[in-house]
Every structure is written in C-alpha cells, then in structure tokens.
C-alpha cells in the first residue's frame, strides 16, 4: 500500500476512534461545563499527552512488553482502575455546587492536565491498541520509531480538534450548564461513568 494510502487509511480509522464516545469525551465535556474552557483544554492536552507517552512506549518496546506480559498488563490495569475509581467516587460523593473562585482555579490549573494524562497512561488498553493497531499502517522498510510518532501525532491532532469542538459546543449553554443543580448532576454523571469504566477495566480481559 502506498504511503499516502497508509496515512489516509490511518486517519480515517483514528477519526472513527476519536469520535467514539468514551472516558475522554466525558472528562472534556464535564470539565468544560463545570470548570470552563481553559481547564477543559488543559484536560484535553493531558489526555493527548497520555497518548504521546504510550506512543513513545510502543516505539521503544514497552508497549510490546505490556502486550505479552500478563503480570505487567494486570499491574497497570489495576492501577488504572483504582485511579479511575478514585476520581469517579470523588465526583459521586462530593459533587460541586458552585464554580471554584479564581484563586482556587489558579491552584488547580495543573490538576486537570495531570488527571487527563494519567487516565490514559494508566489504561493498558491504550497501549495494547497502539501495539496492535499502529503496525498495520507502517509501510515495510520504514523507520518504525519515526512512523509510530507520526501516526500518534495524527491521532493527537484529531483528538485536540475534537476536544475543541466539544468545548465549543458547551459555551453557548454555559449559563445553564453552570447552575448549581446542573453542576452537581454533571459531576455525579461523570463520576458514575468513571466508576463504570474502572469496573470494566478491572474486570475486563484482553
């Protein structure tokens, strides 16, 4: 398959993957609604930084280790499930009723980037997906590391664009979405999604 066809095929497949609703979508929508667009962009950057971390791991062989080692896979899986459950239970049990004051928001600026990144880094299924998915689109006799980072870069770009769309659609409804009851509902709904994903990750098989 010509290089251009490889890139086009991967872009189409990655687009479908990006548009499929999941944990990342829930996190970006909830953060945009409750925290505002700046914090949502930080969460989106963190999510995609997690993709870059996995891309580097796959490029340099760690992803392959996760793919073949049951112990390594389970260790990362349970750490990821515990992290997601911790985030989700926090939102379920302690939903916010108002937006944080500016000074509190300033202290929390790094948090959403870290939460978004760790949600992906601690999910071994992202690594398994990259290990099994990316090689299909790397032409023979091409530089594996360069192509891996290039394909992950396309995925990250698509993710950032989609996150921007999600953040943008919340802004016209910001006044409604930031009411006390709506904020609490969004926190609880997102928390429930996180807990369900944690259970799915912990109980799921490869």
Foldseek 3Di string as FASTA:
>chain_A
DDLVVLLVVLLVVLLVVLPPDALLLLLLLLCCQQVNNLLSLLLLLLLLVLLLVLLQCLLVPVLVVCVPDPVNVLVLLLVLLVLLLVQLVCLQVPFFQAHDPPVVSVVCSNVSSNSSNSNNNSQSVSSVCLNVPQVVSDDPPDNSSVSSSVSSVSSSVSSSVVSVVSSVVCVVVNVVCRHRVNRSVSSNVSSVSSNVVSVCSNPPDD
